[in-house]
Amino acid sequence: MTTPHRIDVHHHFVPQVYKDALIACGDACPAPGYQPPLQNWTEARTLDQMDRAGIASALLSVTTPGIHFGDDAAARRLARQCNEAGAKMVADRPRRFGLFAALPLPDIEGSLAEIAYALDQLKADGIGLYTNYDARFLGDAKFAPILEELDRRRAVAFVHPTSCLCCSALQPEIADAIIEYGTDTTRTIASLVFGGAAARHPNIRFIFCHAGGTMPYLIERFIDFTGRDTAAMKAAMPHGMMHELTRFHYDLAQTAHPAPVAALRKIVPVEQLLFGTDYPYGKGCVGQVEGVARCDFSAVEHAAIDRDNALRLVPRLG
């Protein structure tokens, strides 16, 4: 067993109230609710996985399909219940757990209230977002009040992918998570950068999952598009596109493979890379550790990715 030292920024928890909500939602959920990894989750299993993988601390978040299933009032209740359940886990084991609080988006008023409650009362370590809500990506003007508040608070924003209405179940034999999640991450990054929201809110410390999705592979197209010398481009990105992309953080959950890591490293400094597992999905916590070990990082770089980079975002775990 490895001595725990890693900080896992991409680690899901599934309180009973969320399990119950997914089962009640049934086929109306944007993604199947009764998935064995979710329904079989327990705190004891997560601690066992953490110990086996040398994970000292895990930052908890609610995974896809999220909180809002069509009813604002129900979403507000569910977000509050999940956040209080996560905060209790943190209170019981403050060195082992952190919390990225859930919001009842696309309900803006309810989400602003939950940001205040989660950060001020529950002392959450950041806020969890999804890449799109009703096919609106995070750079959409609808979400400006949320971004303004997160910027004001200099908050950490953990952005998890989900399927977009346009593209869910396009190929029934291929789960959305295999292709669409990476694509949706890229869409929301593009919306924030090209639309100017990233430049307008420089104090938000974004974490994007899965090595930035397909963004590293589309970088030439990003560069060509932003190379158009127009007033709109200059207004949206006064410091340039690469300035925004390189200040975002990216976890390596389910992308701990030499190919995507090599592509991402051509764009982003190692200081912006974070260890993540996507537990209870993927290869498990140990599998993610083994995957990162196969990537071409030096001992100093491994230490930064495993722990040091995350401590800059959540110093209380130090």
Protein backbone atom coordinates (compact mmCIF):
# COMPACT_ATOMS: atom_id res chain seq x y z
CA MET A 1 0.00 0.00 0.00
CA THR A 2 1.36 3.42 -0.98
CA THR A 3 1.73 6.14 1.66
CA PRO A 4 -1.16 8.53 1.02
CA HIS A 5 0.05 11.81 -0.47
CA ARG A 6 -1.94 12.39 -3.67
CA ILE A 7 -4.81 14.84 -4.00
CA ASP A 8 -7.59 13.58 -6.27
CA VAL A 9 -9.49 16.55 -7.70
CA HIS A 10 -11.93 14.38 -9.69
CA HIS A 11 -13.60 12.03 -7.24
CA HIS A 12 -17.34 11.48 -7.13
CA PHE A 13 -19.50 10.75 -4.13
CA VAL A 14 -23.03 9.40 -4.22
CA PRO A 15 -25.06 10.13 -1.07
CA GLN A 16 -28.21 8.11 -0.58
CA VAL A 17 -30.42 11.10 -1.40
CA TYR A 18 -28.78 11.31 -4.83
CA LYS A 19 -29.17 7.57 -5.44
CA ASP A 20 -32.84 7.90 -4.58
CA ALA A 21 -33.27 10.90 -6.89
CA LEU A 22 -31.70 9.06 -9.83
CA ILE A 23 -33.92 6.03 -9.34
CA ALA A 24 -37.02 8.24 -9.04
CA CYS A 25 -36.04 10.14 -12.19
CA GLY A 26 -35.79 6.93 -14.18
CA ASP A 27 -35.83 7.31 -17.96
CA ALA A 28 -36.46 11.05 -17.66
CA CYS A 29 -32.86 11.57 -16.54
CA PRO A 30 -30.42 12.94 -19.12
CA ALA A 31 -28.33 9.81 -18.45
CA PRO A 32 -29.27 6.44 -16.95
CA GLY A 33 -29.56 6.85 -13.21
CA TYR A 34 -29.33 3.28 -12.09
CA GLN A 35 -25.69 2.69 -12.97
CA PRO A 36 -23.88 0.11 -10.82
CA PRO A 37 -20.88 2.39 -10.09
CA LEU A 38 -23.24 4.98 -8.64
CA GLN A 39 -25.65 2.70 -6.86
CA ASN A 40 -22.82 0.62 -5.34
CA TRP A 41 -20.88 3.61 -4.03
CA THR A 42 -20.17 3.77 -0.29
CA GLU A 43 -17.86 5.94 1.78
CA ALA A 44 -16.06 2.82 3.02
CA ARG A 45 -15.30 1.72 -0.55
CA THR A 46 -14.05 5.15 -1.52
CA LEU A 47 -11.69 5.26 1.46
CA ASP A 48 -10.39 1.81 0.61
CA GLN A 49 -9.71 2.87 -2.99
CA MET A 50 -7.98 6.02 -1.79
CA ASP A 51 -5.71 4.08 0.55
CA ARG A 52 -4.78 1.55 -2.12
CA ALA A 53 -3.82 4.36 -4.52
CA GLY A 54 -1.95 6.52 -2.05
CA ILE A 55 -4.58 9.27 -2.13
CA ALA A 56 -4.44 11.45 0.94
CA SER A 57 -7.38 13.69 -0.01
CA ALA A 58 -10.24 13.53 -2.49
CA LEU A 59 -12.27 16.52 -3.61
CA LEU A 60 -15.83 15.25 -3.84
CA SER A 61 -18.30 16.18 -6.55
CA VAL A 62 -21.66 14.99 -7.85
CA THR A 63 -21.28 13.41 -11.27
CA THR A 64 -23.40 13.42 -14.40
CA PRO A 65 -26.40 13.56 -14.89
CA GLY A 66 -26.29 16.26 -12.26
CA ILE A 67 -28.93 17.84 -10.06
CA HIS A 68 -31.65 19.41 -12.21
CA PHE A 69 -34.28 17.12 -13.75
CA GLY A 70 -36.79 19.74 -14.83
CA ASP A 71 -38.09 21.18 -11.55
CA ASP A 72 -36.32 24.18 -10.00
CA ALA A 73 -37.63 23.62 -6.47
CA ALA A 74 -36.68 19.95 -6.50
CA ALA A 75 -33.23 20.80 -7.87
CA ARG A 76 -32.65 23.35 -5.11
CA ARG A 77 -33.55 20.76 -2.47
CA LEU A 78 -31.37 18.08 -4.03
CA ALA A 79 -28.36 20.39 -4.36
CA ARG A 80 -28.69 21.44 -0.73
CA GLN A 81 -29.05 17.85 0.48
CA CYS A 82 -26.06 16.64 -1.54
CA ASN A 83 -23.91 19.54 -0.42
CA GLU A 84 -24.78 18.99 3.23
CA ALA A 85 -23.98 15.29 2.85
CA GLY A 86 -20.62 16.14 1.32
CA ALA A 87 -19.91 18.75 3.98
CA LYS A 88 -20.54 16.14 6.68
CA MET A 89 -17.97 13.83 5.08
CA VAL A 90 -15.50 16.73 5.10
CA ALA A 91 -16.31 17.59 8.72
CA ASP A 92 -15.83 13.97 9.77
CA ARG A 93 -12.54 13.61 7.86
CA PRO A 94 -11.25 17.12 7.02
CA ARG A 95 -7.87 15.91 5.73
CA ARG A 96 -9.29 13.13 3.63
CA PHE A 97 -12.07 14.97 1.86
CA GLY A 98 -12.87 18.28 0.23
CA LEU A 99 -16.02 19.40 -1.55
CA PHE A 100 -16.91 20.96 -4.88
CA ALA A 101 -20.50 21.96 -4.17
CA ALA A 102 -23.35 21.21 -6.56
CA LEU A 103 -25.63 23.90 -8.00
CA PRO A 104 -29.23 23.65 -9.24
CA LEU A 105 -28.39 25.17 -12.64
CA PRO A 106 -29.90 26.26 -15.00
CA ASP A 107 -31.83 27.91 -12.13
CA ILE A 108 -29.75 31.10 -11.76
CA GLU A 109 -31.40 32.54 -8.64
CA GLY A 110 -31.28 29.21 -6.82
CA SER A 111 -27.66 28.68 -7.84
CA LEU A 112 -26.53 32.08 -6.57
CA ALA A 113 -28.15 31.28 -3.23
CA GLU A 114 -26.45 27.87 -3.15
CA ILE A 115 -23.04 29.38 -3.96
CA ALA A 116 -23.41 31.65 -0.92
CA TYR A 117 -24.58 28.82 1.33
CA ALA A 118 -21.97 26.34 0.15
CA LEU A 119 -18.98 28.68 0.34
CA ASP A 120 -19.98 30.76 3.38
CA GLN A 121 -21.78 28.24 5.59
CA LEU A 122 -20.50 24.83 4.49
CA LYS A 123 -17.01 26.14 3.68
CA ALA A 124 -16.88 24.15 0.43
CA ASP A 125 -13.56 24.17 -1.41
CA GLY A 126 -15.11 25.19 -4.71
CA ILE A 127 -18.12 24.84 -6.97
CA GLY A 128 -18.94 22.01 -9.36
CA LEU A 129 -20.33 22.89 -12.79
CA TYR A 130 -21.26 20.92 -15.91
CA THR A 131 -20.17 21.69 -19.44
CA ASN A 132 -23.67 22.55 -20.61
CA TYR A 133 -27.18 23.09 -19.30
CA ASP A 134 -30.01 22.70 -21.80
CA ALA A 135 -27.47 22.99 -24.64
CA ARG A 136 -26.12 26.29 -23.30
CA PHE A 137 -22.38 26.23 -22.64
CA LEU A 138 -20.72 28.06 -19.77
CA GLY A 139 -19.74 31.08 -21.85
CA ASP A 140 -23.40 31.73 -22.65
CA ALA A 141 -24.73 35.09 -21.45
CA LYS A 142 -27.32 33.26 -19.33
CA PHE A 143 -24.60 32.19 -16.94
CA ALA A 144 -22.96 35.61 -16.59
CA PRO A 145 -24.36 36.15 -13.05
CA ILE A 146 -22.85 32.82 -11.94
CA LEU A 147 -19.46 33.59 -13.44
CA GLU A 148 -19.50 37.10 -11.99
CA GLU A 149 -20.11 35.73 -8.50
CA LEU A 150 -17.46 33.02 -8.83
CA ASP A 151 -15.01 35.62 -10.09
CA ARG A 152 -15.80 37.95 -7.20
CA ARG A 153 -15.08 35.13 -4.78
CA ARG A 154 -11.96 33.94 -6.65
CA ALA A 155 -13.56 30.49 -6.53
CA VAL A 156 -12.34 27.16 -7.85
CA ALA A 157 -14.77 25.92 -10.52
CA PHE A 158 -14.58 22.21 -11.31
CA VAL A 159 -16.18 21.62 -14.73
CA HIS A 160 -17.42 18.11 -15.43
CA PRO A 161 -18.66 17.02 -18.86
CA THR A 162 -22.13 15.83 -19.69
CA SER A 163 -23.96 15.07 -22.93
CA CYS A 164 -25.46 17.85 -24.98
CA LEU A 165 -29.07 17.60 -26.19
CA CYS A 166 -27.85 17.65 -29.77
CA CYS A 167 -25.63 14.63 -29.51
CA SER A 168 -26.73 12.20 -26.85
CA ALA A 169 -27.04 8.58 -27.97
CA LEU A 170 -26.02 9.34 -31.55
CA GLN A 171 -24.47 5.86 -31.66
CA PRO A 172 -26.41 3.66 -29.24
CA GLU A 173 -23.64 1.07 -29.17
CA ILE A 174 -21.13 3.70 -27.92
CA ALA A 175 -21.65 5.34 -24.54
CA ASP A 176 -21.70 9.14 -24.58
CA ALA A 177 -18.79 9.18 -22.14
CA ILE A 178 -16.45 7.70 -24.75
CA ILE A 179 -16.72 10.50 -27.33
CA GLU A 180 -19.27 13.15 -26.33
CA TYR A 181 -17.86 14.01 -22.91
CA GLY A 182 -14.49 15.03 -24.33
CA THR A 183 -16.19 16.92 -27.12
CA ASP A 184 -18.49 18.75 -24.73
CA THR A 185 -15.56 19.81 -22.58
CA THR A 186 -14.01 21.35 -25.68
CA ARG A 187 -17.24 23.12 -26.57
CA THR A 188 -17.50 24.79 -23.17
CA ILE A 189 -13.82 25.80 -23.17
CA ALA A 190 -14.34 27.36 -26.61
CA SER A 191 -17.47 29.18 -25.45
CA LEU A 192 -15.62 30.70 -22.50
CA VAL A 193 -12.56 31.73 -24.50
CA PHE A 194 -14.02 32.81 -27.84
CA GLY A 195 -17.00 34.51 -26.21
CA GLY A 196 -14.79 36.53 -23.87
CA ALA A 197 -16.12 35.19 -20.56
CA ALA A 198 -12.74 33.76 -19.60
CA ALA A 199 -11.03 37.12 -20.05
CA ARG A 200 -13.81 38.95 -18.20
CA HIS A 201 -13.53 36.63 -15.20
CA PRO A 202 -9.81 36.05 -14.68
CA ASN A 203 -10.17 35.23 -10.98
CA ILE A 204 -12.12 32.00 -11.52
CA ARG A 205 -9.77 29.05 -11.18
CA PHE A 206 -11.22 26.62 -13.68
CA ILE A 207 -10.48 22.89 -13.63
CA PHE A 208 -11.46 21.02 -16.80
CA CYS A 209 -11.70 17.24 -16.77
CA HIS A 210 -10.06 14.59 -18.91
CA ALA A 211 -7.05 16.60 -20.12
CA GLY A 212 -9.25 19.25 -21.70
CA GLY A 213 -11.22 16.87 -23.88
CA THR A 214 -10.39 17.25 -27.57
CA MET A 215 -9.02 20.77 -27.21
CA PRO A 216 -5.33 19.79 -27.57
CA TYR A 217 -6.08 18.02 -30.87
CA LEU A 218 -7.99 21.00 -32.25
CA ILE A 219 -5.43 23.60 -31.26
CA GLU A 220 -4.45 24.45 -34.86
CA ARG A 221 -8.08 25.26 -35.64
CA PHE A 222 -8.35 27.32 -32.44
CA ILE A 223 -5.24 29.27 -33.44
CA ASP A 224 -6.41 29.78 -37.04
CA PHE A 225 -9.81 30.99 -35.87
CA THR A 226 -8.42 33.45 -33.35
CA GLY A 227 -5.81 34.61 -35.85
CA ARG A 228 -8.46 36.64 -37.59
CA ASP A 229 -7.53 40.21 -36.76
CA THR A 230 -10.94 41.58 -35.89
CA ALA A 231 -12.20 43.94 -33.26
CA ALA A 232 -14.46 41.22 -31.87
CA MET A 233 -11.57 38.82 -31.39
CA LYS A 234 -9.46 41.45 -29.69
CA ALA A 235 -12.32 42.36 -27.37
CA ALA A 236 -13.01 38.75 -26.45
CA MET A 237 -9.36 37.81 -25.94
CA PRO A 238 -7.33 40.96 -25.20
CA HIS A 239 -4.42 38.84 -23.98
CA GLY A 240 -4.77 36.19 -26.66
CA MET A 241 -6.26 32.70 -26.70
CA MET A 242 -3.20 30.89 -25.38
CA HIS A 243 -3.15 33.13 -22.32
CA GLU A 244 -6.56 31.79 -21.33
CA LEU A 245 -5.90 28.14 -22.21
CA THR A 246 -2.66 28.06 -20.26
CA ARG A 247 -4.10 29.50 -17.07
CA PHE A 248 -6.86 26.87 -16.88
CA HIS A 249 -6.21 23.69 -14.91
CA TYR A 250 -6.74 20.22 -16.39
CA ASP A 251 -7.08 16.90 -14.60
CA LEU A 252 -5.77 13.65 -16.08
CA ALA A 253 -8.69 11.44 -15.06
CA GLN A 254 -9.34 8.73 -17.68
CA THR A 255 -6.72 10.35 -19.93
CA ALA A 256 -3.67 9.00 -18.11
CA HIS A 257 -2.11 7.76 -21.35
CA PRO A 258 1.05 9.01 -23.08
CA ALA A 259 -0.81 10.20 -26.21
CA PRO A 260 -3.27 12.74 -24.76
CA VAL A 261 -0.80 13.78 -22.07
CA ALA A 262 1.87 14.52 -24.69
CA ALA A 263 -0.59 16.64 -26.68
CA LEU A 264 -1.73 18.58 -23.62
CA ARG A 265 1.84 19.24 -22.51
CA LYS A 266 2.57 20.96 -25.82
CA ILE A 267 0.00 23.58 -24.81
CA VAL A 268 -0.17 23.70 -21.01
CA PRO A 269 2.66 23.85 -18.44
CA VAL A 270 2.92 20.99 -15.95
CA GLU A 271 1.97 23.44 -13.20
CA GLN A 272 -1.59 23.42 -14.54
CA LEU A 273 -2.03 19.61 -14.52
CA LEU A 274 -3.83 17.79 -11.71
CA PHE A 275 -4.26 14.20 -10.59
CA GLY A 276 -7.79 12.83 -10.87
CA THR A 277 -9.39 9.40 -10.91
CA ASP A 278 -13.08 9.83 -11.88
CA TYR A 279 -13.88 7.30 -9.16
CA PRO A 280 -16.12 5.25 -9.14
CA TYR A 281 -15.76 5.15 -12.94
CA GLY A 282 -12.86 4.10 -15.14
CA LYS A 283 -10.00 1.85 -14.11
CA GLY A 284 -10.30 2.67 -10.44
CA CYS A 285 -7.93 4.79 -8.39
CA VAL A 286 -4.98 2.41 -8.66
CA GLY A 287 -5.43 2.17 -12.42
CA GLN A 288 -5.19 5.94 -12.76
CA VAL A 289 -2.00 6.03 -10.70
CA GLU A 290 -0.51 3.36 -12.95
CA GLY A 291 -1.56 5.30 -16.04
CA VAL A 292 0.10 8.54 -14.91
CA ALA A 293 3.24 6.55 -14.06
CA ARG A 294 3.47 5.45 -17.71
CA CYS A 295 3.55 9.05 -18.90
CA ASP A 296 6.87 10.79 -19.40
CA PHE A 297 7.01 12.89 -16.23
CA SER A 298 10.07 13.49 -14.10
CA ALA A 299 9.99 12.87 -10.34
CA VAL A 300 9.57 16.61 -9.74
CA GLU A 301 6.71 16.76 -12.25
CA HIS A 302 5.01 13.74 -10.67
CA ALA A 303 5.14 15.45 -7.29
CA ALA A 304 3.58 18.58 -8.77
CA ILE A 305 0.76 16.69 -10.50
CA ASP A 306 0.09 14.34 -7.61
CA ARG A 307 -0.14 17.02 -4.94
CA ASP A 308 1.62 20.36 -5.19
CA ASN A 309 -0.46 21.87 -8.00
CA ALA A 310 -3.70 21.03 -6.20
CA LEU A 311 -2.44 22.59 -2.98
CA ARG A 312 -2.28 25.96 -4.70
CA LEU A 313 -6.02 25.63 -5.29
CA VAL A 314 -6.97 24.09 -1.93
CA PRO A 315 -4.16 24.99 0.50
CA ARG A 316 -6.05 23.77 3.57
CA LEU A 317 -5.28 20.17 2.51
CA GLY A 318 -1.57 20.82 3.01
